[in-house]
Amino acid sequence: MEIVALKEKYGGRLRYIFMKDLQAATSRPDTEEILVKMEDTTGQLAFLKKGYRGIAIEKMDEEWHVRFFLSFPPE
């Protein structure tokens, strides 16, 4: 499952929209990965808009982060 969007739903609360591509290869392309703090929703939205996908939510140094990778690397 990958995070493909972040939308305001249900009384103004933010929700991640997940997708699983059933026809995609099991490995991701070798692209740069970026960590964005969970509370930085503006940053997350910017990366999602650029074609990045969220692949993990991790706790690092007592803060939660979302790990993103570029879904379709530029040619």
N, C-alpha and C. Protein backbone atom coordinates (compact mmCIF):
# COMPACT_ATOMS: atom_id res chain seq x y z
N MET A 1 0.85 -1.18 0.00
CA MET A 1 0.00 0.00 0.00
C MET A 1 0.89 1.24 0.00
N GLU A 2 0.47 2.23 -0.75
CA GLU A 2 1.20 3.48 -0.82
C GLU A 2 0.25 4.64 -0.57
N ILE A 3 0.77 5.68 0.06
CA ILE A 3 -0.01 6.90 0.27
C ILE A 3 0.04 7.67 -1.04
N VAL A 4 -1.14 7.96 -1.61
CA VAL A 4 -1.20 8.67 -2.88
C VAL A 4 -1.85 10.04 -2.76
N ALA A 5 -2.48 10.32 -1.61
CA ALA A 5 -3.13 11.61 -1.42
C ALA A 5 -3.34 11.86 0.07
N LEU A 6 -3.56 13.13 0.38
CA LEU A 6 -3.88 13.55 1.74
C LEU A 6 -5.05 14.52 1.60
N LYS A 7 -6.21 14.13 2.12
CA LYS A 7 -7.42 14.94 1.92
C LYS A 7 -8.11 15.25 3.23
N GLU A 8 -8.81 16.37 3.22
CA GLU A 8 -9.61 16.76 4.37
C GLU A 8 -10.95 16.04 4.28
N LYS A 9 -11.29 15.31 5.32
CA LYS A 9 -12.53 14.53 5.35
C LYS A 9 -13.13 14.62 6.75
N TYR A 10 -14.38 14.24 6.87
CA TYR A 10 -15.03 14.01 8.15
C TYR A 10 -14.79 15.14 9.16
N GLY A 11 -15.37 16.29 8.92
CA GLY A 11 -15.28 17.38 9.88
C GLY A 11 -13.93 18.07 9.89
N GLY A 12 -13.23 18.10 8.77
CA GLY A 12 -11.98 18.83 8.70
C GLY A 12 -10.74 18.04 9.08
N ARG A 13 -10.88 16.78 9.41
CA ARG A 13 -9.71 15.96 9.76
C ARG A 13 -9.03 15.46 8.49
N LEU A 14 -7.70 15.40 8.55
CA LEU A 14 -6.93 14.92 7.40
C LEU A 14 -6.86 13.41 7.39
N ARG A 15 -6.99 12.84 6.21
CA ARG A 15 -6.93 11.39 6.03
C ARG A 15 -5.99 11.05 4.89
N TYR A 16 -5.20 10.01 5.07
CA TYR A 16 -4.36 9.50 4.00
C TYR A 16 -5.22 8.64 3.08
N ILE A 17 -4.99 8.76 1.79
CA ILE A 17 -5.65 7.92 0.80
C ILE A 17 -4.60 6.93 0.30
N PHE A 18 -4.88 5.64 0.47
CA PHE A 18 -3.93 4.58 0.11
C PHE A 18 -4.34 3.91 -1.19
N MET A 19 -3.35 3.35 -1.88
CA MET A 19 -3.61 2.61 -3.11
C MET A 19 -2.63 1.43 -3.17
N LYS A 20 -3.11 0.36 -3.72
CA LYS A 20 -2.23 -0.78 -3.99
C LYS A 20 -2.40 -1.14 -5.46
N ASP A 21 -1.31 -1.04 -6.21
CA ASP A 21 -1.32 -1.38 -7.62
C ASP A 21 -1.11 -2.89 -7.74
N LEU A 22 -2.14 -3.60 -8.11
CA LEU A 22 -2.08 -5.06 -8.16
C LEU A 22 -1.30 -5.58 -9.36
N GLN A 23 -1.03 -4.71 -10.35
CA GLN A 23 -0.31 -5.15 -11.53
C GLN A 23 1.14 -4.68 -11.55
N ALA A 24 1.54 -3.91 -10.57
CA ALA A 24 2.90 -3.37 -10.54
C ALA A 24 3.90 -4.43 -10.10
N ALA A 25 5.14 -4.24 -10.49
CA ALA A 25 6.21 -5.13 -10.03
C ALA A 25 6.36 -4.97 -8.52
N THR A 26 6.92 -5.97 -7.89
CA THR A 26 7.02 -5.93 -6.43
C THR A 26 8.11 -4.98 -5.94
N SER A 27 9.07 -4.63 -6.78
CA SER A 27 10.12 -3.74 -6.34
C SER A 27 9.89 -2.33 -6.88
N ARG A 28 10.31 -1.34 -6.10
CA ARG A 28 10.20 0.05 -6.52
C ARG A 28 11.45 0.44 -7.30
N PRO A 29 11.32 1.43 -8.18
CA PRO A 29 12.52 1.90 -8.87
C PRO A 29 13.50 2.50 -7.88
N ASP A 30 14.76 2.48 -8.26
CA ASP A 30 15.82 3.02 -7.40
C ASP A 30 15.79 4.55 -7.47
N THR A 31 15.01 5.17 -6.59
CA THR A 31 14.88 6.63 -6.57
C THR A 31 15.18 7.15 -5.18
N GLU A 32 15.34 8.44 -5.11
CA GLU A 32 15.61 9.11 -3.85
C GLU A 32 14.42 8.97 -2.90
N GLU A 33 14.72 8.73 -1.63
CA GLU A 33 13.68 8.69 -0.61
C GLU A 33 13.83 9.91 0.28
N ILE A 34 12.70 10.46 0.71
CA ILE A 34 12.67 11.69 1.51
C ILE A 34 11.80 11.47 2.73
N LEU A 35 12.24 11.98 3.88
CA LEU A 35 11.45 11.93 5.10
C LEU A 35 10.82 13.30 5.34
N VAL A 36 9.52 13.30 5.66
CA VAL A 36 8.80 14.53 5.96
C VAL A 36 8.10 14.33 7.30
N LYS A 37 8.22 15.32 8.20
CA LYS A 37 7.56 15.20 9.50
C LYS A 37 6.06 15.06 9.32
N MET A 38 5.45 14.26 10.15
CA MET A 38 4.03 13.98 10.08
C MET A 38 3.19 15.26 10.18
N GLU A 39 3.61 16.19 11.03
CA GLU A 39 2.82 17.41 11.20
C GLU A 39 3.00 18.40 10.05
N ASP A 40 3.95 18.16 9.16
CA ASP A 40 4.19 19.03 8.00
C ASP A 40 3.28 18.61 6.85
N THR A 41 1.99 18.86 6.99
CA THR A 41 1.04 18.44 5.96
C THR A 41 1.25 19.21 4.66
N THR A 42 1.67 20.47 4.75
CA THR A 42 1.95 21.25 3.54
C THR A 42 3.08 20.61 2.74
N GLY A 43 4.13 20.20 3.42
CA GLY A 43 5.25 19.52 2.76
C GLY A 43 4.83 18.19 2.16
N GLN A 44 4.02 17.43 2.88
CA GLN A 44 3.54 16.15 2.37
C GLN A 44 2.72 16.36 1.10
N LEU A 45 1.82 17.34 1.12
CA LEU A 45 0.98 17.63 -0.04
C LEU A 45 1.84 18.04 -1.24
N ALA A 46 2.89 18.81 -1.00
CA ALA A 46 3.77 19.25 -2.08
C ALA A 46 4.47 18.05 -2.73
N PHE A 47 4.96 17.11 -1.93
CA PHE A 47 5.62 15.94 -2.49
C PHE A 47 4.63 15.04 -3.23
N LEU A 48 3.43 14.87 -2.68
CA LEU A 48 2.42 14.07 -3.36
C LEU A 48 2.07 14.68 -4.71
N LYS A 49 1.98 16.00 -4.76
CA LYS A 49 1.65 16.70 -6.01
C LYS A 49 2.75 16.53 -7.06
N LYS A 50 4.00 16.37 -6.62
CA LYS A 50 5.13 16.19 -7.53
C LYS A 50 5.27 14.75 -8.01
N GLY A 51 4.42 13.84 -7.53
CA GLY A 51 4.48 12.46 -7.98
C GLY A 51 5.10 11.50 -6.99
N TYR A 52 5.42 11.99 -5.80
CA TYR A 52 5.98 11.10 -4.77
C TYR A 52 4.84 10.28 -4.16
N ARG A 53 5.20 9.12 -3.62
CA ARG A 53 4.26 8.26 -2.91
C ARG A 53 4.79 7.98 -1.52
N GLY A 54 3.91 7.97 -0.55
CA GLY A 54 4.30 7.62 0.82
C GLY A 54 4.39 6.12 0.95
N ILE A 55 5.49 5.64 1.50
CA ILE A 55 5.68 4.18 1.60
C ILE A 55 5.82 3.69 3.03
N ALA A 56 5.99 4.61 3.97
CA ALA A 56 6.15 4.18 5.36
C ALA A 56 5.89 5.36 6.29
N ILE A 57 5.45 5.03 7.49
CA ILE A 57 5.32 6.00 8.57
C ILE A 57 6.22 5.49 9.68
N GLU A 58 7.19 6.32 10.09
CA GLU A 58 8.23 5.87 11.02
C GLU A 58 8.39 6.85 12.17
N LYS A 59 8.74 6.32 13.33
CA LYS A 59 9.05 7.16 14.48
C LYS A 59 10.56 7.26 14.60
N MET A 60 11.06 8.50 14.56
CA MET A 60 12.50 8.74 14.68
C MET A 60 12.71 9.86 15.69
N ASP A 61 13.52 9.61 16.69
CA ASP A 61 13.82 10.61 17.71
C ASP A 61 12.55 11.22 18.29
N GLU A 62 11.61 10.38 18.66
CA GLU A 62 10.34 10.78 19.28
C GLU A 62 9.43 11.61 18.38
N GLU A 63 9.71 11.64 17.06
CA GLU A 63 8.84 12.34 16.11
C GLU A 63 8.45 11.37 15.00
N TRP A 64 7.23 11.52 14.51
CA TRP A 64 6.74 10.68 13.43
C TRP A 64 7.04 11.33 12.09
N HIS A 65 7.46 10.50 11.13
CA HIS A 65 7.79 10.96 9.78
C HIS A 65 7.11 10.05 8.76
N VAL A 66 6.87 10.61 7.57
CA VAL A 66 6.39 9.82 6.43
C VAL A 66 7.54 9.72 5.44
N ARG A 67 7.84 8.51 5.00
CA ARG A 67 8.90 8.28 4.01
C ARG A 67 8.26 8.28 2.62
N PHE A 68 8.80 9.11 1.73
CA PHE A 68 8.30 9.25 0.38
C PHE A 68 9.35 8.79 -0.63
N PHE A 69 8.91 8.28 -1.77
CA PHE A 69 9.81 8.00 -2.89
C PHE A 69 9.13 8.54 -4.15
N LEU A 70 9.94 8.87 -5.15
CA LEU A 70 9.41 9.40 -6.40
C LEU A 70 8.85 8.24 -7.22
N SER A 71 7.54 8.26 -7.41
CA SER A 71 6.85 7.16 -8.07
C SER A 71 7.26 7.01 -9.53
N PHE A 72 7.36 8.11 -10.24
CA PHE A 72 7.71 8.08 -11.66
C PHE A 72 8.92 8.96 -11.86
N PRO A 73 10.14 8.38 -11.79
CA PRO A 73 11.34 9.19 -11.89
C PRO A 73 11.42 9.93 -13.22
N PRO A 74 11.93 11.17 -13.21
CA PRO A 74 12.03 11.93 -14.45
C PRO A 74 12.99 11.25 -15.41
N GLU A 75 12.71 11.36 -16.70
CA GLU A 75 13.57 10.74 -17.72
C GLU A 75 14.62 11.69 -18.22
